[in-house]
N, C-alpha and C. Protein backbone atom coordinates (compact mmCIF):
# COMPACT_ATOMS: atom_id res chain seq x y z
N MET A 1 -3.40 6.17 -28.39
CA MET A 1 -2.23 5.51 -28.92
C MET A 1 -2.69 4.36 -29.80
N PRO A 2 -2.18 4.23 -31.01
CA PRO A 2 -2.61 3.17 -31.93
C PRO A 2 -2.25 1.79 -31.39
N PRO A 3 -3.08 0.77 -31.71
CA PRO A 3 -2.76 -0.59 -31.26
C PRO A 3 -1.40 -1.01 -31.78
N GLY A 4 -0.69 -1.73 -30.95
CA GLY A 4 0.62 -2.24 -31.35
C GLY A 4 1.75 -1.24 -31.18
N SER A 5 1.43 0.01 -30.81
CA SER A 5 2.49 0.99 -30.64
C SER A 5 3.13 0.83 -29.26
N PHE A 6 4.32 1.30 -29.13
CA PHE A 6 5.09 1.16 -27.90
C PHE A 6 4.99 2.44 -27.07
N ARG A 7 4.74 2.27 -25.78
CA ARG A 7 4.72 3.40 -24.87
C ARG A 7 5.79 3.16 -23.81
N ALA A 8 6.69 4.11 -23.66
CA ALA A 8 7.75 3.97 -22.67
C ALA A 8 7.17 4.00 -21.26
N VAL A 9 7.68 3.13 -20.41
CA VAL A 9 7.26 3.11 -19.01
C VAL A 9 8.08 4.16 -18.27
N THR A 10 7.40 4.98 -17.49
CA THR A 10 8.07 6.02 -16.72
C THR A 10 7.94 5.72 -15.24
N PRO A 11 8.73 6.35 -14.40
CA PRO A 11 8.60 6.13 -12.96
C PRO A 11 7.18 6.44 -12.45
N LEU A 12 6.48 7.34 -13.12
CA LEU A 12 5.14 7.70 -12.67
C LEU A 12 4.14 6.57 -12.91
N ASP A 13 4.49 5.60 -13.76
CA ASP A 13 3.64 4.42 -13.97
C ASP A 13 3.77 3.43 -12.82
N ASP A 14 4.80 3.59 -12.03
CA ASP A 14 5.10 2.67 -10.93
C ASP A 14 4.33 3.11 -9.68
N ASP A 15 3.46 2.22 -9.14
CA ASP A 15 2.69 2.54 -7.94
C ASP A 15 3.57 2.83 -6.73
N ASP A 16 4.80 2.33 -6.75
CA ASP A 16 5.70 2.51 -5.62
C ASP A 16 6.67 3.68 -5.78
N PHE A 17 6.58 4.39 -6.90
CA PHE A 17 7.47 5.53 -7.12
C PHE A 17 7.04 6.69 -6.23
N PRO A 18 7.97 7.25 -5.42
CA PRO A 18 7.63 8.32 -4.49
C PRO A 18 7.48 9.67 -5.21
N ALA A 19 6.34 9.89 -5.80
CA ALA A 19 6.15 11.05 -6.67
C ALA A 19 5.54 12.27 -5.98
N TYR A 20 4.94 12.09 -4.81
CA TYR A 20 4.15 13.17 -4.22
C TYR A 20 4.79 13.72 -2.95
N THR A 21 4.87 15.04 -2.88
CA THR A 21 5.36 15.69 -1.67
C THR A 21 4.30 15.55 -0.58
N MET A 22 4.70 15.81 0.64
CA MET A 22 3.76 15.72 1.75
C MET A 22 2.58 16.67 1.55
N GLY A 23 2.86 17.89 1.15
CA GLY A 23 1.79 18.86 0.95
C GLY A 23 0.82 18.44 -0.13
N ARG A 24 1.36 17.95 -1.25
CA ARG A 24 0.51 17.49 -2.36
C ARG A 24 -0.30 16.27 -1.94
N ALA A 25 0.33 15.34 -1.23
CA ALA A 25 -0.36 14.14 -0.77
C ALA A 25 -1.49 14.51 0.18
N ALA A 26 -1.23 15.42 1.11
CA ALA A 26 -2.27 15.85 2.05
C ALA A 26 -3.42 16.52 1.31
N ASP A 27 -3.12 17.35 0.32
CA ASP A 27 -4.16 18.00 -0.48
C ASP A 27 -5.01 16.96 -1.22
N MET A 28 -4.35 15.99 -1.82
CA MET A 28 -5.06 14.96 -2.58
C MET A 28 -6.00 14.15 -1.69
N LEU A 29 -5.59 13.93 -0.44
CA LEU A 29 -6.39 13.13 0.49
C LEU A 29 -7.39 13.98 1.28
N GLY A 30 -7.25 15.30 1.19
CA GLY A 30 -8.13 16.16 1.96
C GLY A 30 -7.84 16.09 3.45
N THR A 31 -6.58 15.95 3.77
CA THR A 31 -6.17 15.84 5.17
C THR A 31 -5.02 16.80 5.43
N THR A 32 -4.35 16.64 6.53
CA THR A 32 -3.24 17.53 6.89
C THR A 32 -1.92 16.77 6.85
N PRO A 33 -0.81 17.49 6.71
CA PRO A 33 0.49 16.83 6.82
C PRO A 33 0.67 16.12 8.17
N ALA A 34 0.07 16.66 9.21
CA ALA A 34 0.17 16.03 10.53
C ALA A 34 -0.44 14.63 10.52
N PHE A 35 -1.53 14.45 9.78
CA PHE A 35 -2.15 13.13 9.67
C PHE A 35 -1.19 12.15 9.00
N LEU A 36 -0.55 12.60 7.94
CA LEU A 36 0.43 11.74 7.25
C LEU A 36 1.61 11.41 8.16
N ARG A 37 2.07 12.40 8.92
CA ARG A 37 3.17 12.14 9.87
C ARG A 37 2.73 11.11 10.91
N ALA A 38 1.47 11.22 11.37
CA ALA A 38 0.96 10.27 12.37
C ALA A 38 0.93 8.85 11.81
N LEU A 39 0.57 8.70 10.54
CA LEU A 39 0.58 7.37 9.93
C LEU A 39 1.99 6.81 9.90
N GLY A 40 2.96 7.69 9.67
CA GLY A 40 4.36 7.27 9.70
C GLY A 40 4.80 6.88 11.10
N GLU A 41 4.36 7.64 12.10
CA GLU A 41 4.70 7.32 13.49
C GLU A 41 4.12 5.98 13.91
N HIS A 42 2.96 5.63 13.37
CA HIS A 42 2.34 4.34 13.68
C HIS A 42 2.80 3.24 12.73
N ARG A 43 3.79 3.57 11.90
CA ARG A 43 4.44 2.64 10.99
C ARG A 43 3.50 1.99 9.98
N LEU A 44 2.44 2.72 9.62
CA LEU A 44 1.54 2.21 8.58
C LEU A 44 2.16 2.46 7.22
N ILE A 45 2.71 3.64 7.03
CA ILE A 45 3.42 3.97 5.79
C ILE A 45 4.75 4.62 6.17
N THR A 46 5.75 4.34 5.38
CA THR A 46 7.06 4.95 5.59
C THR A 46 7.45 5.65 4.30
N PRO A 47 7.28 6.96 4.26
CA PRO A 47 7.62 7.68 3.03
C PRO A 47 9.12 7.65 2.79
N LEU A 48 9.47 7.69 1.52
CA LEU A 48 10.88 7.84 1.18
C LEU A 48 11.26 9.30 1.37
N ARG A 49 12.53 9.56 1.42
CA ARG A 49 13.00 10.93 1.61
C ARG A 49 13.75 11.40 0.37
N SER A 50 13.51 12.65 0.02
CA SER A 50 14.26 13.25 -1.10
C SER A 50 15.67 13.52 -0.62
N GLU A 51 16.53 13.94 -1.55
CA GLU A 51 17.90 14.27 -1.17
C GLU A 51 17.92 15.37 -0.13
N GLY A 52 16.93 16.26 -0.16
CA GLY A 52 16.84 17.34 0.82
C GLY A 52 16.18 16.93 2.12
N GLY A 53 15.76 15.65 2.23
CA GLY A 53 15.17 15.15 3.46
C GLY A 53 13.65 15.29 3.53
N HIS A 54 13.02 15.71 2.43
CA HIS A 54 11.57 15.88 2.43
C HIS A 54 10.87 14.55 2.15
N ARG A 55 9.73 14.37 2.81
CA ARG A 55 8.96 13.13 2.62
C ARG A 55 8.36 13.10 1.22
N ARG A 56 8.38 11.91 0.63
CA ARG A 56 7.77 11.67 -0.68
C ARG A 56 6.92 10.41 -0.58
N TYR A 57 5.70 10.48 -1.13
CA TYR A 57 4.74 9.38 -1.04
C TYR A 57 4.43 8.80 -2.41
N SER A 58 4.18 7.51 -2.44
CA SER A 58 3.81 6.83 -3.68
C SER A 58 2.29 6.73 -3.77
N ARG A 59 1.80 6.35 -4.94
CA ARG A 59 0.35 6.15 -5.11
C ARG A 59 -0.14 5.03 -4.19
N TYR A 60 0.65 3.99 -4.06
CA TYR A 60 0.28 2.88 -3.16
C TYR A 60 0.12 3.40 -1.73
N GLN A 61 1.07 4.20 -1.27
CA GLN A 61 0.98 4.75 0.08
C GLN A 61 -0.22 5.68 0.23
N LEU A 62 -0.55 6.40 -0.82
CA LEU A 62 -1.72 7.28 -0.76
C LEU A 62 -3.01 6.48 -0.65
N ARG A 63 -3.08 5.33 -1.29
CA ARG A 63 -4.27 4.48 -1.16
C ARG A 63 -4.40 3.98 0.27
N ILE A 64 -3.30 3.60 0.88
CA ILE A 64 -3.32 3.16 2.27
C ILE A 64 -3.75 4.32 3.18
N ALA A 65 -3.19 5.49 2.95
CA ALA A 65 -3.53 6.67 3.76
C ALA A 65 -5.00 7.03 3.59
N ALA A 66 -5.53 6.89 2.38
CA ALA A 66 -6.94 7.17 2.13
C ALA A 66 -7.83 6.22 2.92
N ARG A 67 -7.44 4.94 2.98
CA ARG A 67 -8.21 3.97 3.77
C ARG A 67 -8.15 4.32 5.25
N ALA A 68 -6.98 4.73 5.72
CA ALA A 68 -6.85 5.14 7.13
C ALA A 68 -7.73 6.35 7.41
N ARG A 69 -7.73 7.30 6.51
CA ARG A 69 -8.56 8.49 6.70
C ARG A 69 -10.03 8.11 6.76
N GLU A 70 -10.44 7.20 5.90
CA GLU A 70 -11.83 6.74 5.89
C GLU A 70 -12.22 6.16 7.25
N LEU A 71 -11.35 5.32 7.80
CA LEU A 71 -11.63 4.72 9.12
C LEU A 71 -11.66 5.76 10.23
N VAL A 72 -10.69 6.67 10.19
CA VAL A 72 -10.63 7.73 11.21
C VAL A 72 -11.85 8.64 11.11
N ASP A 73 -12.26 8.95 9.89
CA ASP A 73 -13.45 9.78 9.70
C ASP A 73 -14.71 9.11 10.25
N GLN A 74 -14.70 7.77 10.30
CA GLN A 74 -15.83 7.02 10.86
C GLN A 74 -15.76 6.90 12.37
N GLY A 75 -14.71 7.49 12.97
CA GLY A 75 -14.59 7.49 14.42
C GLY A 75 -13.60 6.49 14.99
N THR A 76 -12.90 5.78 14.15
CA THR A 76 -11.91 4.81 14.61
C THR A 76 -10.65 5.54 15.03
N PRO A 77 -10.12 5.25 16.23
CA PRO A 77 -8.84 5.88 16.62
C PRO A 77 -7.75 5.50 15.62
N ILE A 78 -6.81 6.40 15.43
CA ILE A 78 -5.78 6.20 14.41
C ILE A 78 -4.98 4.92 14.65
N GLU A 79 -4.68 4.59 15.92
CA GLU A 79 -3.94 3.37 16.22
C GLU A 79 -4.71 2.15 15.74
N ALA A 80 -6.01 2.13 16.02
CA ALA A 80 -6.86 1.01 15.61
C ALA A 80 -7.00 0.97 14.09
N ALA A 81 -7.13 2.12 13.46
CA ALA A 81 -7.24 2.18 12.00
C ALA A 81 -6.00 1.57 11.35
N CYS A 82 -4.84 1.90 11.87
CA CYS A 82 -3.59 1.35 11.32
C CYS A 82 -3.56 -0.17 11.48
N ARG A 83 -3.98 -0.67 12.63
CA ARG A 83 -3.99 -2.12 12.87
C ARG A 83 -4.99 -2.81 11.95
N ILE A 84 -6.16 -2.22 11.78
CA ILE A 84 -7.18 -2.78 10.88
C ILE A 84 -6.62 -2.92 9.47
N ILE A 85 -5.95 -1.89 9.00
CA ILE A 85 -5.41 -1.91 7.63
C ILE A 85 -4.35 -2.99 7.49
N VAL A 86 -3.50 -3.15 8.48
CA VAL A 86 -2.48 -4.21 8.44
C VAL A 86 -3.16 -5.58 8.39
N LEU A 87 -4.20 -5.77 9.21
CA LEU A 87 -4.92 -7.05 9.22
C LEU A 87 -5.65 -7.29 7.91
N GLU A 88 -6.24 -6.25 7.33
CA GLU A 88 -6.89 -6.39 6.03
C GLU A 88 -5.89 -6.83 4.97
N ASP A 89 -4.70 -6.26 5.02
CA ASP A 89 -3.66 -6.60 4.06
C ASP A 89 -3.22 -8.06 4.24
N GLN A 90 -3.07 -8.49 5.49
CA GLN A 90 -2.67 -9.87 5.76
C GLN A 90 -3.75 -10.85 5.30
N LEU A 91 -5.01 -10.50 5.53
CA LEU A 91 -6.12 -11.35 5.09
C LEU A 91 -6.14 -11.46 3.57
N GLU A 92 -5.96 -10.34 2.88
CA GLU A 92 -5.95 -10.35 1.42
C GLU A 92 -4.82 -11.25 0.90
N GLU A 93 -3.66 -11.17 1.51
CA GLU A 93 -2.53 -12.00 1.10
C GLU A 93 -2.82 -13.48 1.35
N ALA A 94 -3.40 -13.80 2.50
CA ALA A 94 -3.74 -15.19 2.82
C ALA A 94 -4.77 -15.73 1.83
N GLN A 95 -5.75 -14.92 1.48
CA GLN A 95 -6.76 -15.34 0.51
C GLN A 95 -6.15 -15.56 -0.86
N ARG A 96 -5.21 -14.72 -1.23
CA ARG A 96 -4.52 -14.88 -2.52
C ARG A 96 -3.73 -16.19 -2.54
N ILE A 97 -3.04 -16.48 -1.47
CA ILE A 97 -2.26 -17.72 -1.37
C ILE A 97 -3.19 -18.94 -1.40
N ASN A 98 -4.30 -18.87 -0.67
CA ASN A 98 -5.26 -19.97 -0.65
C ASN A 98 -5.81 -20.23 -2.05
N GLU A 99 -6.16 -19.18 -2.75
CA GLU A 99 -6.69 -19.33 -4.11
C GLU A 99 -5.64 -19.93 -5.03
N GLN A 100 -4.43 -19.49 -4.87
CA GLN A 100 -3.32 -20.01 -5.68
C GLN A 100 -3.14 -21.51 -5.41
N MET A 101 -3.22 -21.91 -4.16
CA MET A 101 -3.06 -23.31 -3.80
C MET A 101 -4.24 -24.13 -4.31
N ARG A 102 -5.44 -23.58 -4.28
CA ARG A 102 -6.63 -24.26 -4.78
C ARG A 102 -6.53 -24.54 -6.28
N THR A 103 -6.04 -23.57 -7.02
CA THR A 103 -5.95 -23.74 -8.47
C THR A 103 -4.81 -24.67 -8.86
N GLN A 104 -3.79 -24.79 -8.04
CA GLN A 104 -2.68 -25.67 -8.34
C GLN A 104 -2.98 -27.12 -7.96
N GLY A 105 -3.93 -27.32 -7.06
CA GLY A 105 -4.28 -28.66 -6.61
C GLY A 105 -3.30 -29.17 -5.58
N PRO A 106 -3.58 -30.34 -5.03
CA PRO A 106 -2.68 -30.88 -4.00
C PRO A 106 -1.35 -31.32 -4.59
N GLU A 107 -0.31 -31.16 -3.80
CA GLU A 107 1.01 -31.59 -4.23
C GLU A 107 1.09 -33.10 -4.08
N PRO A 108 1.74 -33.77 -5.01
CA PRO A 108 1.89 -35.23 -4.88
C PRO A 108 2.72 -35.56 -3.64
N GLN A 109 2.28 -36.58 -2.93
CA GLN A 109 3.00 -36.97 -1.72
C GLN A 109 4.12 -37.92 -2.11
N SER A 110 5.27 -37.69 -1.56
CA SER A 110 6.41 -38.56 -1.88
C SER A 110 6.42 -39.75 -0.94
N LYS A 111 6.86 -40.87 -1.47
CA LYS A 111 6.98 -42.09 -0.66
C LYS A 111 8.38 -42.14 -0.10
N THR A 112 8.47 -42.44 1.16
CA THR A 112 9.80 -42.57 1.77
C THR A 112 10.07 -44.03 1.99
N SER A 113 11.29 -44.44 1.70
CA SER A 113 11.65 -45.84 1.90
C SER A 113 12.26 -46.01 3.29
N ALA A 114 11.98 -47.18 3.88
CA ALA A 114 12.48 -47.46 5.22
C ALA A 114 13.66 -48.35 5.19
């Protein structure tokens, strides 16, 4: 695409768009639909449902599922893998907030009158 040209944004550009069926998601991850259902049962990912009630997964959810599969393949029980991923996400968010606060500097302290 030439510089300066406009490209329309589509739902497929959105990491949260539920573009993948359960079967396609399982194929992409090299796992089974049962594994994806188990991640849902452990509330690690909650797929959206199509009008027909079929599960649909986003790219973001597939990245989370891939990390869970990696941990499970290393011998981590699925329950522990789900907890690890949640904690990793919380740590990443805390680090982002800390960095943001560091770059903004300390807030000026207000004086209160008595």
